[in-house]
Amino acid sequence: MKHLCFAILFAISFLQAQSPASAEKPAAKPIAPDAVDQMATGLKPTRILPYKKIAEQELELHVFEPDGLKAGDSRACFLIIHGGGWTGGTPRRMYSFAAHYAKLGMVGISMQYRLYSKKTGVSVFDCVKDARSAVRYIRGHATELGIDPQKVIVSGGSAGGHLAAATALFDPVNEDSDDLKISPVPNALVLLFPVIDTSKEGYGNAKIGERWQELSPVHHVRPGVPPTIIFHGTGDTVTPFAGAKAFQEAMLKAGNRCELDINEGGVHGYLMRNKALYEDTLQKTDVFLKLLGLLK
């Protein structure tokens, strides 16, 4: 009987060892770099500057300087903010945008911000505070950066587009350490498939929680919002196109300038994956900024 029990146990152990459930799962395939990732390869900022320190974390601005820049210049600044649902991403993702505008004579900057995490306690409100702090830092250090403080353009993709809009719209959301005498409101906004509606019909409602309306751009449009251009695809199911359309309508009703460039059938992030669409976006943005007198 003793030998029979041993044999049964041995057989069970052998079968478990051969079971697919116990086998090591294959590693997930890495996501292939898209057009914008490929363009970032080899790009390197002129310098990296800390703009804010929270606890032990220093947040950085990745600065691309134009040729011939010197302290005391009055160059326009193009600040770009990466997406990733507020939970991921790095400044490198948007290097190609910053580098493009540096080539056109601006100071291009790709910024870092705290990432949303229940574990660390970082909220979307904290992400918003960082974006507003970054604009204040740029304006407060405009002379040494060679920037005209009245020519600051803020742009971003997806959640980064939300944070760009946040610099203009969410007046009560500020870091305690910020100098509130310096305005975080930019002179123009360039929003790429942005999170623009944080209701349940939009994106981010669950992450923000019951205070979602405080951070919903479409619910905060008012007269005096900076001139804005939005790039959005009608096939976007992540940040639905309806939100971008509603935002533009609210902006026009409030007497603000707002252009909506529509990509028929374009899914979320469409212009980041296709170099031709990316270049078309930059060309249209250039025209928009020239009309505003922000780009020569």
Protein backbone atom coordinates (compact mmCIF):
# COMPACT_ATOMS: atom_id res chain seq x y z
CA MET A 1 0.00 0.00 0.00
CA LYS A 2 2.86 2.33 0.89
CA HIS A 3 4.52 1.68 -2.48
CA LEU A 4 1.23 2.27 -4.33
CA CYS A 5 0.73 5.71 -2.68
CA PHE A 6 4.28 6.69 -3.56
CA ALA A 7 3.73 5.68 -7.20
CA ILE A 8 0.52 7.72 -7.42
CA LEU A 9 2.21 10.82 -5.96
CA PHE A 10 5.14 10.45 -8.36
CA ALA A 11 2.76 10.20 -11.33
CA ILE A 12 0.84 13.32 -10.27
CA SER A 13 4.07 15.32 -9.85
CA PHE A 14 5.31 14.18 -13.27
CA LEU A 15 2.05 15.20 -14.98
CA GLN A 16 2.07 18.61 -13.27
CA ALA A 17 5.62 19.22 -14.44
CA GLN A 18 4.56 18.52 -18.03
CA SER A 19 1.42 20.65 -17.81
CA PRO A 20 1.34 23.80 -19.97
CA ALA A 21 0.06 25.72 -16.97
CA SER A 22 3.31 25.16 -15.12
CA ALA A 23 5.49 25.86 -18.13
CA GLU A 24 7.24 29.21 -18.31
CA LYS A 25 5.20 31.67 -20.37
CA PRO A 26 6.95 33.07 -23.44
CA ALA A 27 8.11 36.67 -23.11
CA ALA A 28 5.76 39.25 -24.60
CA LYS A 29 6.89 40.55 -27.95
CA PRO A 30 8.19 44.12 -27.74
CA ILE A 31 6.11 46.75 -29.49
CA ALA A 32 7.74 47.67 -32.78
CA PRO A 33 8.88 51.30 -32.95
CA ASP A 34 6.57 53.48 -35.03
CA ALA A 35 7.53 56.37 -37.31
CA VAL A 36 7.95 58.90 -34.50
CA ASP A 37 10.03 56.47 -32.42
CA GLN A 38 12.28 55.87 -35.40
CA MET A 39 12.75 59.59 -35.96
CA ALA A 40 13.76 60.03 -32.31
CA THR A 41 16.66 57.61 -32.80
CA GLY A 42 19.86 59.61 -32.80
CA LEU A 43 18.21 62.82 -31.58
CA LYS A 44 19.79 64.28 -28.47
CA PRO A 45 18.73 67.38 -26.52
CA THR A 46 21.21 70.22 -26.18
CA ARG A 47 20.75 70.08 -22.42
CA ILE A 48 18.48 68.67 -19.74
CA LEU A 49 17.30 71.03 -17.02
CA PRO A 50 15.48 70.23 -13.76
CA TYR A 51 12.42 72.45 -13.44
CA LYS A 52 10.85 71.08 -10.28
CA LYS A 53 11.63 68.76 -7.38
CA ILE A 54 8.91 66.72 -5.66
CA ALA A 55 10.09 64.67 -2.67
CA GLU A 56 13.22 62.99 -4.08
CA GLN A 57 12.22 63.21 -7.74
CA GLU A 58 13.59 65.88 -10.05
CA LEU A 59 11.45 66.57 -13.10
CA GLU A 60 13.27 67.59 -16.26
CA LEU A 61 12.97 69.66 -19.40
CA HIS A 62 14.76 68.15 -22.42
CA VAL A 63 15.83 71.25 -24.34
CA PHE A 64 16.63 71.42 -28.07
CA GLU A 65 18.30 74.76 -28.80
CA PRO A 66 18.37 76.36 -32.25
CA ASP A 67 21.66 77.26 -33.90
CA GLY A 68 23.08 80.54 -32.68
CA LEU A 69 20.93 80.77 -29.54
CA LYS A 70 22.30 82.99 -26.80
CA ALA A 71 21.06 84.20 -23.44
CA GLY A 72 18.88 87.25 -23.85
CA ASP A 73 17.45 86.13 -27.20
CA SER A 74 13.69 86.32 -27.68
CA ARG A 75 12.93 83.03 -29.45
CA ALA A 76 9.54 81.42 -29.48
CA CYS A 77 9.29 78.22 -27.42
CA PHE A 78 7.56 75.00 -28.46
CA LEU A 79 6.86 72.84 -25.38
CA ILE A 80 5.69 69.30 -26.21
CA ILE A 81 4.18 66.79 -23.76
CA HIS A 82 4.12 63.02 -24.30
CA GLY A 83 1.05 60.84 -23.88
CA GLY A 84 0.56 57.39 -22.39
CA GLY A 85 -2.69 57.65 -20.46
CA TRP A 86 -0.83 59.68 -17.79
CA THR A 87 0.68 56.34 -16.69
CA GLY A 88 3.62 55.86 -19.07
CA GLY A 89 5.87 57.38 -21.67
CA THR A 90 9.00 59.52 -21.61
CA PRO A 91 10.15 62.84 -23.10
CA ARG A 92 12.06 60.93 -25.82
CA ARG A 93 8.74 60.01 -27.44
CA MET A 94 8.30 63.62 -28.57
CA TYR A 95 11.91 64.48 -29.43
CA SER A 96 11.17 64.78 -33.15
CA PHE A 97 8.64 67.57 -32.52
CA ALA A 98 11.04 69.54 -30.32
CA ALA A 99 13.89 69.04 -32.80
CA HIS A 100 11.72 70.17 -35.72
CA TYR A 101 10.95 73.51 -34.11
CA ALA A 102 14.54 74.00 -32.99
CA LYS A 103 15.53 73.74 -36.67
CA LEU A 104 13.02 76.50 -37.39
CA GLY A 105 14.65 78.81 -34.84
CA MET A 106 12.54 78.10 -31.76
CA VAL A 107 13.59 76.60 -28.47
CA GLY A 108 12.04 73.11 -28.54
CA ILE A 109 11.38 71.40 -25.22
CA SER A 110 10.04 67.93 -24.40
CA MET A 111 9.01 67.71 -20.75
CA GLN A 112 8.88 65.04 -18.09
CA TYR A 113 6.05 64.83 -15.58
CA ARG A 114 5.03 62.55 -12.74
CA LEU A 115 3.15 59.47 -13.89
CA TYR A 116 -0.24 58.52 -12.50
CA SER A 117 -0.07 55.54 -10.13
CA LYS A 118 -2.36 54.31 -7.37
CA LYS A 119 0.65 52.65 -5.77
CA THR A 120 2.69 55.85 -5.47
CA GLY A 121 -0.30 58.10 -4.94
CA VAL A 122 0.36 60.28 -7.99
CA SER A 123 -2.95 61.54 -9.39
CA VAL A 124 -3.92 63.16 -12.68
CA PHE A 125 -4.15 66.40 -10.69
CA ASP A 126 -0.40 66.03 -10.01
CA CYS A 127 0.28 65.56 -13.73
CA VAL A 128 -1.64 68.79 -14.40
CA LYS A 129 0.33 70.63 -11.74
CA ASP A 130 3.60 69.56 -13.37
CA ALA A 131 2.56 70.87 -16.80
CA ARG A 132 1.57 74.22 -15.34
CA SER A 133 4.80 74.34 -13.32
CA ALA A 134 6.85 73.72 -16.48
CA VAL A 135 5.35 76.71 -18.30
CA ARG A 136 5.93 78.89 -15.24
CA TYR A 137 9.56 77.74 -15.07
CA ILE A 138 10.09 78.55 -18.75
CA ARG A 139 8.62 82.03 -18.35
CA GLY A 140 10.47 82.63 -15.09
CA HIS A 141 13.80 81.69 -16.74
CA ALA A 142 13.02 83.14 -20.16
CA THR A 143 16.06 85.44 -20.31
CA GLU A 144 18.62 82.72 -19.59
CA LEU A 145 16.81 80.30 -21.92
CA GLY A 146 16.71 82.85 -24.73
CA ILE A 147 12.91 82.69 -24.89
CA ASP A 148 10.27 85.34 -25.43
CA PRO A 149 7.81 84.73 -22.55
CA GLN A 150 4.96 85.93 -24.77
CA LYS A 151 5.68 83.35 -27.45
CA VAL A 152 5.17 80.05 -25.65
CA ILE A 153 3.35 77.31 -27.56
CA VAL A 154 2.27 74.20 -25.67
CA SER A 155 1.49 70.97 -27.49
CA GLY A 156 0.88 67.35 -26.57
CA GLY A 157 -0.49 64.04 -27.75
CA SER A 158 -3.33 62.11 -26.10
CA ALA A 159 -2.89 62.52 -22.31
CA GLY A 160 -0.15 65.00 -23.16
CA GLY A 161 -2.72 66.94 -25.16
CA HIS A 162 -4.87 67.02 -22.04
CA LEU A 163 -1.97 68.41 -20.01
CA ALA A 164 -1.29 71.01 -22.72
CA ALA A 165 -4.92 72.16 -22.53
CA ALA A 166 -4.64 72.10 -18.73
CA THR A 167 -2.04 74.86 -18.80
CA ALA A 168 -4.70 77.19 -20.21
CA LEU A 169 -7.86 75.99 -18.50
CA PHE A 170 -7.49 74.71 -14.94
CA ASP A 171 -6.71 77.85 -12.94
CA PRO A 172 -7.29 76.36 -9.44
CA VAL A 173 -4.86 73.43 -9.96
CA ASN A 174 -1.39 74.61 -8.96
CA GLU A 175 1.64 73.32 -7.09
CA ASP A 176 2.04 74.97 -3.68
CA SER A 177 5.64 75.85 -4.54
CA ASP A 178 4.72 77.64 -7.81
CA ASP A 179 5.01 81.40 -8.21
CA LEU A 180 1.37 82.18 -8.98
CA LYS A 181 2.31 85.63 -10.27
CA ILE A 182 3.69 83.87 -13.39
CA SER A 183 0.96 82.75 -15.77
CA PRO A 184 1.03 79.16 -17.08
CA VAL A 185 -1.39 80.05 -19.90
CA PRO A 186 0.41 79.63 -23.25
CA ASN A 187 0.10 81.84 -26.30
CA ALA A 188 -1.14 78.97 -28.46
CA LEU A 189 -2.15 75.32 -28.15
CA VAL A 190 -1.44 72.46 -30.57
CA LEU A 191 -3.43 69.40 -29.49
CA LEU A 192 -2.81 65.99 -31.04
CA PHE A 193 -5.69 63.49 -30.59
CA PRO A 194 -6.08 64.89 -27.05
CA VAL A 195 -7.97 63.68 -24.00
CA ILE A 196 -10.47 66.52 -24.17
CA ASP A 197 -13.52 65.07 -22.38
CA THR A 198 -13.04 63.16 -19.13
CA SER A 199 -16.70 62.20 -18.69
CA LYS A 200 -17.71 58.56 -19.08
CA GLU A 201 -18.24 59.29 -22.79
CA GLY A 202 -14.61 60.36 -23.11
CA TYR A 203 -11.39 59.09 -21.52
CA GLY A 204 -9.91 59.09 -18.02
CA ASN A 205 -13.07 59.12 -15.94
CA ALA A 206 -12.08 56.10 -13.85
CA LYS A 207 -8.55 57.41 -13.25
CA ILE A 208 -9.66 60.87 -12.16
CA GLY A 209 -12.68 59.73 -10.16
CA GLU A 210 -15.64 61.74 -8.95
CA ARG A 211 -13.78 65.04 -9.46
CA TRP A 212 -13.46 64.33 -13.21
CA GLN A 213 -15.25 67.50 -14.27
CA GLU A 214 -12.53 69.65 -12.67
CA LEU A 215 -10.10 68.22 -15.23
CA SER A 216 -12.31 68.02 -18.32
CA PRO A 217 -11.18 70.57 -20.93
CA VAL A 218 -14.46 70.59 -22.86
CA HIS A 219 -16.26 71.57 -19.65
CA HIS A 220 -13.95 74.56 -18.97
CA VAL A 221 -14.01 76.48 -22.24
CA ARG A 222 -14.46 80.21 -21.73
CA PRO A 223 -13.62 83.43 -23.60
CA GLY A 224 -9.90 84.17 -23.74
CA VAL A 225 -8.58 80.64 -24.26
CA PRO A 226 -5.45 80.80 -26.48
CA PRO A 227 -5.73 80.08 -30.22
CA THR A 228 -5.87 76.32 -30.68
CA ILE A 229 -5.44 73.78 -33.44
CA ILE A 230 -6.56 70.18 -32.89
CA PHE A 231 -5.61 67.12 -34.95
CA HIS A 232 -8.02 64.22 -34.48
CA GLY A 233 -9.21 61.11 -36.33
CA THR A 234 -12.85 60.18 -36.73
CA GLY A 235 -12.01 56.52 -36.00
CA ASP A 236 -10.51 57.27 -32.59
CA THR A 237 -12.20 55.06 -29.98
CA VAL A 238 -9.74 55.88 -27.17
CA THR A 239 -10.28 59.63 -27.03
CA PRO A 240 -13.48 59.83 -29.08
CA PHE A 241 -13.65 62.32 -31.94
CA ALA A 242 -16.95 63.67 -30.61
CA GLY A 243 -15.06 65.29 -27.75
CA ALA A 244 -12.75 67.19 -30.09
CA LYS A 245 -15.71 68.37 -32.14
CA ALA A 246 -17.58 69.52 -29.02
CA PHE A 247 -14.47 71.36 -27.81
CA GLN A 248 -14.10 73.23 -31.09
CA GLU A 249 -17.78 74.20 -31.08
CA ALA A 250 -17.52 75.47 -27.49
CA MET A 251 -14.36 77.44 -28.35
CA LEU A 252 -15.98 79.13 -31.34
CA LYS A 253 -19.12 79.91 -29.35
CA ALA A 254 -16.94 81.57 -26.70
CA GLY A 255 -15.29 83.72 -29.35
CA ASN A 256 -11.98 81.85 -29.37
CA ARG A 257 -9.96 80.75 -32.37
CA CYS A 258 -9.99 76.99 -32.82
CA GLU A 259 -9.20 74.92 -35.89
CA LEU A 260 -9.99 71.22 -36.13
CA ASP A 261 -8.00 69.18 -38.64
CA ILE A 262 -9.99 65.99 -39.28
CA ASN A 263 -8.43 62.73 -40.42
CA GLU A 264 -11.26 60.58 -41.80
CA GLY A 265 -11.10 57.13 -40.20
CA GLY A 266 -7.93 57.98 -38.28
CA VAL A 267 -7.48 55.86 -35.15
CA HIS A 268 -5.86 57.02 -31.92
CA GLY A 269 -2.31 58.17 -32.56
CA TYR A 270 -2.68 57.93 -36.34
CA LEU A 271 -0.18 60.69 -37.10
CA MET A 272 2.55 59.09 -34.97
CA ARG A 273 2.60 55.89 -37.01
CA ASN A 274 2.79 57.30 -40.52
CA LYS A 275 5.62 59.63 -41.51
CA ALA A 276 3.61 61.30 -44.26
CA LEU A 277 0.76 62.09 -41.83
CA TYR A 278 3.28 63.27 -39.23
CA GLU A 279 4.90 65.64 -41.74
CA ASP A 280 1.48 66.86 -42.87
CA THR A 281 0.65 67.65 -39.23
CA LEU A 282 3.86 69.64 -38.80
CA GLN A 283 3.31 71.55 -42.04
CA LYS A 284 -0.22 72.55 -41.00
CA THR A 285 1.01 73.48 -37.52
CA ASP A 286 3.73 75.65 -39.05
CA VAL A 287 1.14 77.52 -41.12
CA PHE A 288 -1.05 78.00 -38.03
CA LEU A 289 1.85 79.39 -35.97
CA LYS A 290 2.95 81.71 -38.81
CA LEU A 291 -0.56 83.16 -39.01
CA LEU A 292 -0.35 83.87 -35.27
CA GLY A 293 3.04 85.55 -35.65
CA LEU A 294 4.72 82.89 -33.52
CA LEU A 295 6.85 81.44 -36.31
CA LYS A 296 8.79 83.42 -38.90
